[in-house]
């Protein structure tokens, strides 16, 4: 059997916000023997759906196809899939919003299914938007077997264990108190201030995103990052850092997805701080 070799280029975003190009050469005929995947394909174009199914099913993989963002979120929630291939331009809820919802639904499950964005555009801002939405890799239409199969193999081998993993705490109690020299009265006062101010800070950030004002996004995200870091709120701080980087690079295409994650993390932090306050001796 003839074996074709191709170079596959995977474009992802590194923590430093530069484009990372990982070049690798792999067999494109099939994954190693015995590896059979259940793949969720979200694509509203019947020709493209048929192409993906035609490439995957002869190699023993099971393909479940849906056509809208709402359908892919529901399918991902209800079914066990090894991989999701998702068109970015889905009708209704687009692929980026669907990815955000899928990642939110995975929280606490100990599972993270690889999601590959499929799009007709190949700009840095598009890659950044995919990363901000929680996608793992990026393929450009028209799909090519020489890029698809090496990428699938890379993602499957890199996929983490599905064994349950603890959720990262939204709030580090001991770290917070140590930062204040153990002053619990001051701690309670700061929690109260943050509970009152965090909705305003988030609204300022969202307004800056809506206005496409990169400098204001950078400034608002930086301020919020500083506030959540005081409490040891690392998940919220990382989300704010993502938006700060987008503002600094003046590339906001993924910001409306990144802020959804930030809003959820700030809410989680506020709930943890409320529990901390409630459990303090009166």
Protein backbone atom coordinates (compact mmCIF):
# COMPACT_ATOMS: atom_id res chain seq x y z
CA UNK A 1 0.00 0.00 0.00
CA UNK A 2 1.33 3.38 -0.97
CA UNK A 3 2.04 5.72 1.89
CA UNK A 4 1.89 9.44 1.31
CA UNK A 5 3.92 11.82 3.41
CA UNK A 6 3.03 15.45 3.85
CA UNK A 7 4.09 18.28 6.11
CA UNK A 8 1.22 19.38 8.34
CA UNK A 9 1.23 22.85 9.82
CA UNK A 10 -0.69 23.41 13.04
CA UNK A 11 -1.14 27.03 14.00
CA UNK A 12 -1.89 27.70 17.63
CA UNK A 13 -1.35 30.61 19.98
CA UNK A 14 1.47 30.41 22.50
CA UNK A 15 1.28 32.00 25.99
CA UNK A 16 3.41 34.84 24.65
CA UNK A 17 0.73 35.50 22.01
CA UNK A 18 3.06 34.79 19.09
CA UNK A 19 1.99 32.39 16.36
CA UNK A 20 3.40 28.94 17.04
CA UNK A 21 4.01 26.83 13.96
CA UNK A 22 4.60 23.17 14.71
CA UNK A 23 5.84 21.35 11.67
CA UNK A 24 5.77 17.58 11.60
CA UNK A 25 5.75 14.81 8.99
CA UNK A 26 3.56 11.76 9.61
CA UNK A 27 1.84 9.00 7.63
CA UNK A 28 -1.54 10.16 6.42
CA UNK A 29 -3.00 6.77 5.52
CA UNK A 30 -4.35 5.91 8.99
CA UNK A 31 -3.84 6.15 12.71
CA UNK A 32 -1.98 3.30 14.39
CA UNK A 33 -3.79 -0.04 14.24
CA UNK A 34 -6.44 -0.47 16.90
CA UNK A 35 -7.18 3.23 17.39
CA UNK A 36 -10.76 3.85 16.35
CA UNK A 37 -12.34 7.16 17.21
CA UNK A 38 -15.84 8.50 17.74
CA UNK A 39 -15.82 11.87 15.99
CA UNK A 40 -18.44 14.62 16.21
CA UNK A 41 -18.52 16.66 13.00
CA UNK A 42 -20.29 20.04 13.04
CA UNK A 43 -20.67 21.28 9.46
CA UNK A 44 -23.73 22.79 7.75
CA UNK A 45 -22.43 22.21 4.21
CA UNK A 46 -23.49 18.72 3.01
CA UNK A 47 -20.56 18.46 0.60
CA UNK A 48 -18.04 19.15 3.36
CA UNK A 49 -19.85 16.76 5.73
CA UNK A 50 -19.62 14.02 3.12
CA UNK A 51 -15.91 14.66 2.61
CA UNK A 52 -15.12 14.32 6.31
CA UNK A 53 -17.23 11.18 6.67
CA UNK A 54 -15.67 9.76 3.51
CA UNK A 55 -12.19 10.26 4.92
CA UNK A 56 -12.88 8.95 8.43
CA UNK A 57 -15.32 6.04 8.14
CA UNK A 58 -13.19 3.84 5.81
CA UNK A 59 -10.52 3.92 8.52
CA UNK A 60 -12.93 2.53 11.08
CA UNK A 61 -13.88 5.76 12.82
CA UNK A 62 -17.49 6.48 13.80
CA UNK A 63 -18.80 9.84 12.57
CA UNK A 64 -21.75 11.65 14.10
CA UNK A 65 -22.70 14.72 12.03
CA UNK A 66 -24.69 17.79 13.11
CA UNK A 67 -25.42 21.06 11.33
CA UNK A 68 -25.81 23.84 13.92
CA UNK A 69 -24.01 25.21 16.96
CA UNK A 70 -26.87 24.28 19.26
CA UNK A 71 -26.80 20.71 17.96
CA UNK A 72 -23.07 20.28 18.49
CA UNK A 73 -23.29 21.56 22.09
CA UNK A 74 -26.14 19.16 22.85
CA UNK A 75 -24.36 16.23 21.19
CA UNK A 76 -21.10 16.95 23.01
CA UNK A 77 -22.99 17.07 26.30
CA UNK A 78 -24.92 13.85 25.73
CA UNK A 79 -22.36 11.69 23.93
CA UNK A 80 -18.83 10.42 24.49
CA UNK A 81 -16.59 11.66 21.69
CA UNK A 82 -12.86 11.40 21.15
CA UNK A 83 -12.67 14.43 18.84
CA UNK A 84 -14.82 17.31 17.58
CA UNK A 85 -14.30 18.80 14.10
CA UNK A 86 -16.25 22.06 13.99
CA UNK A 87 -16.90 24.61 11.28
CA UNK A 88 -16.49 28.11 12.69
CA UNK A 89 -19.30 29.56 10.52
CA UNK A 90 -22.23 27.50 11.81
CA UNK A 91 -25.80 28.83 11.57
CA UNK A 92 -27.44 30.07 14.74
CA UNK A 93 -24.82 29.70 17.43
CA UNK A 94 -21.47 29.90 15.64
CA UNK A 95 -18.66 27.42 16.17
CA UNK A 96 -16.69 29.68 18.50
CA UNK A 97 -19.63 30.22 20.84
CA UNK A 98 -20.37 26.49 20.70
CA UNK A 99 -16.78 25.74 21.75
CA UNK A 100 -17.13 28.09 24.72
CA UNK A 101 -20.31 26.29 25.79
CA UNK A 102 -18.71 22.86 25.39
CA UNK A 103 -15.73 23.84 27.51
CA UNK A 104 -18.05 25.25 30.18
CA UNK A 105 -20.00 21.99 30.23
CA UNK A 106 -16.81 19.97 30.68
CA UNK A 107 -15.86 21.73 33.91
CA UNK A 108 -15.69 19.27 36.78
CA UNK A 109 -15.98 16.23 34.50
CA UNK A 110 -12.25 15.50 34.30
CA UNK A 111 -12.61 15.32 30.52
CA UNK A 112 -11.53 17.67 27.74
CA UNK A 113 -12.35 16.59 24.20
CA UNK A 114 -10.02 18.03 21.54
CA UNK A 115 -11.82 20.53 19.29
CA UNK A 116 -10.49 21.39 15.82
CA UNK A 117 -11.70 24.59 14.18
CA UNK A 118 -12.41 24.37 10.46
CA UNK A 119 -12.63 27.65 8.60
CA UNK A 120 -12.10 29.25 5.23
CA UNK A 121 -10.07 32.10 6.77
CA UNK A 122 -6.45 31.91 7.87
CA UNK A 123 -5.63 35.18 9.62
CA UNK A 124 -3.86 35.64 12.94
CA UNK A 125 -7.01 37.12 14.45
CA UNK A 126 -9.03 34.06 13.45
CA UNK A 127 -6.51 31.75 15.13
CA UNK A 128 -6.60 33.90 18.25
CA UNK A 129 -10.40 33.76 18.33
CA UNK A 130 -10.31 29.96 18.12
CA UNK A 131 -7.84 29.75 20.96
CA UNK A 132 -9.87 32.14 23.11
CA UNK A 133 -12.96 29.99 22.56
CA UNK A 134 -11.14 26.90 23.85
CA UNK A 135 -10.31 25.19 20.57
CA UNK A 136 -7.13 23.15 20.28
CA UNK A 137 -6.15 23.42 16.61
CA UNK A 138 -7.05 25.05 13.33
CA UNK A 139 -7.57 23.68 9.81
CA UNK A 140 -8.27 25.73 6.70
CA UNK A 141 -10.81 24.75 4.04
CA UNK A 142 -10.75 22.97 1.70
CA UNK A 143 -9.79 20.09 3.96
CA UNK A 144 -6.85 17.96 2.93
CA UNK A 145 -6.22 14.42 4.18
CA UNK A 146 -2.52 15.24 4.36
CA UNK A 147 -3.21 17.85 7.04
CA UNK A 148 -6.23 16.24 8.74
CA UNK A 149 -4.79 12.87 9.72
CA UNK A 150 -1.46 14.04 11.15
CA UNK A 151 -3.33 16.62 13.18
CA UNK A 152 -5.78 14.03 14.54
CA UNK A 153 -2.92 11.77 15.53
CA UNK A 154 -1.13 14.62 17.29
CA UNK A 155 -4.23 15.64 19.24
CA UNK A 156 -5.24 12.12 20.24
CA UNK A 157 -1.76 11.25 21.50
CA UNK A 158 -1.58 14.55 23.38
CA UNK A 159 -5.10 14.22 24.85
CA UNK A 160 -5.02 14.06 28.65
CA UNK A 161 -6.33 11.16 30.67
CA UNK A 162 -10.08 11.05 31.14
CA UNK A 163 -9.69 10.17 34.82
CA UNK A 164 -11.35 12.75 37.07
CA UNK A 165 -9.18 15.77 37.81
CA UNK A 166 -9.76 18.30 40.58
CA UNK A 167 -11.10 21.71 39.61
CA UNK A 168 -8.60 24.46 40.28
CA UNK A 169 -9.78 26.53 43.26
CA UNK A 170 -11.24 29.91 42.40
CA UNK A 171 -9.80 31.36 45.63
CA UNK A 172 -6.70 30.62 47.72
CA UNK A 173 -7.76 31.35 51.30
CA UNK A 174 -4.42 30.93 53.08
CA UNK A 175 -2.54 32.87 50.42
CA UNK A 176 -5.04 35.72 50.68
CA UNK A 177 -4.86 35.92 54.48
CA UNK A 178 -1.06 35.69 54.47
CA UNK A 179 -0.92 38.58 52.02
CA UNK A 180 -2.86 40.64 54.59
CA UNK A 181 -0.76 39.56 57.55
CA UNK A 182 -3.67 37.54 58.89
CA UNK A 183 -5.92 40.58 59.30
CA UNK A 184 -9.36 39.00 58.94
CA UNK A 185 -11.26 42.27 59.36
CA UNK A 186 -9.33 43.72 56.42
CA UNK A 187 -9.97 40.54 54.44
CA UNK A 188 -13.72 40.81 54.92
CA UNK A 189 -13.66 44.47 53.92
CA UNK A 190 -11.77 43.67 50.72
CA UNK A 191 -14.18 40.88 49.83
CA UNK A 192 -17.07 43.31 50.23
CA UNK A 193 -15.38 45.89 48.01
CA UNK A 194 -14.64 43.32 45.29
CA UNK A 195 -18.22 42.02 45.34
CA UNK A 196 -19.44 45.56 44.74
CA UNK A 197 -16.79 46.58 42.19
CA UNK A 198 -16.33 43.46 40.07
CA UNK A 199 -19.61 43.88 38.11
CA UNK A 200 -18.57 47.43 37.23
CA UNK A 201 -15.09 46.31 36.16
CA UNK A 202 -16.55 43.58 33.97
CA UNK A 203 -19.02 46.02 32.43
CA UNK A 204 -16.17 48.43 31.65
CA UNK A 205 -14.25 45.64 29.96
CA UNK A 206 -17.23 44.43 27.97
CA UNK A 207 -18.02 47.98 26.83
CA UNK A 208 -14.43 48.36 25.64
CA UNK A 209 -14.74 45.12 23.66
CA UNK A 210 -18.02 46.26 22.12
CA UNK A 211 -16.37 49.56 21.14
CA UNK A 212 -13.40 47.68 19.63
CA UNK A 213 -11.12 49.84 21.79
CA UNK A 214 -7.96 47.76 22.23
CA UNK A 215 -6.25 50.17 24.62
CA UNK A 216 -9.32 50.29 26.86
CA UNK A 217 -9.54 46.50 26.80
CA UNK A 218 -5.90 46.20 27.85
CA UNK A 219 -6.36 48.72 30.64
CA UNK A 220 -9.62 47.25 31.98
CA UNK A 221 -8.34 43.67 31.84
CA UNK A 222 -5.12 44.69 33.59
CA UNK A 223 -7.07 46.35 36.41
CA UNK A 224 -9.32 43.33 36.87
CA UNK A 225 -6.34 40.97 36.78
CA UNK A 226 -4.76 42.91 39.63
CA UNK A 227 -7.91 42.74 41.71
CA UNK A 228 -8.52 39.00 41.36
CA UNK A 229 -4.83 38.24 41.96
CA UNK A 230 -5.06 39.73 45.45
CA UNK A 231 -7.34 36.82 46.38
CA UNK A 232 -5.19 34.18 44.71
CA UNK A 233 -7.84 33.86 41.99
CA UNK A 234 -5.58 32.25 39.43
CA UNK A 235 -8.24 31.00 36.96
CA UNK A 236 -9.80 34.48 36.78
CA UNK A 237 -6.37 36.10 36.57
CA UNK A 238 -5.40 33.91 33.61
CA UNK A 239 -8.61 34.79 31.83
CA UNK A 240 -7.98 38.49 32.42
CA UNK A 241 -4.40 38.09 31.21
CA UNK A 242 -5.70 36.60 27.96
CA UNK A 243 -7.79 39.71 27.32
CA UNK A 244 -4.97 42.00 28.38
CA UNK A 245 -2.76 40.36 25.77
CA UNK A 246 -5.42 40.76 23.09
CA UNK A 247 -5.66 44.45 23.90
CA UNK A 248 -1.89 44.90 23.88
CA UNK A 249 -1.62 43.26 20.45
CA UNK A 250 -4.68 45.18 19.19
CA UNK A 251 -6.30 41.92 18.11
CA UNK A 252 -9.78 41.64 19.61
CA UNK A 253 -11.38 39.07 17.31
CA UNK A 254 -11.51 36.50 20.12
CA UNK A 255 -12.35 38.93 22.93
CA UNK A 256 -16.10 38.37 22.96
CA UNK A 257 -15.46 34.69 23.64
CA UNK A 258 -12.66 35.25 26.13
CA UNK A 259 -14.80 37.53 28.28
CA UNK A 260 -17.44 34.81 28.66
CA UNK A 261 -14.82 32.64 30.35
CA UNK A 262 -13.62 35.58 32.45
CA UNK A 263 -17.17 36.40 33.60
CA UNK A 264 -17.69 32.81 34.70
CA UNK A 265 -14.40 32.74 36.59
CA UNK A 266 -15.14 36.02 38.35
CA UNK A 267 -18.56 34.69 39.32
CA UNK A 268 -16.92 31.54 40.69
CA UNK A 269 -14.45 33.67 42.63
CA UNK A 270 -17.24 35.82 44.08
CA UNK A 271 -19.14 32.73 45.19
CA UNK A 272 -16.01 31.33 46.85
CA UNK A 273 -15.41 34.65 48.60
CA UNK A 274 -19.02 34.74 49.78
CA UNK A 275 -18.57 31.29 51.29
CA UNK A 276 -15.36 32.47 52.95
CA UNK A 277 -17.20 35.43 54.47
CA UNK A 278 -20.10 33.29 55.64
CA UNK A 279 -17.80 30.84 57.41
CA UNK A 280 -15.91 33.50 59.36
CA UNK A 281 -16.62 33.71 63.10
CA UNK A 282 -18.85 36.64 64.01
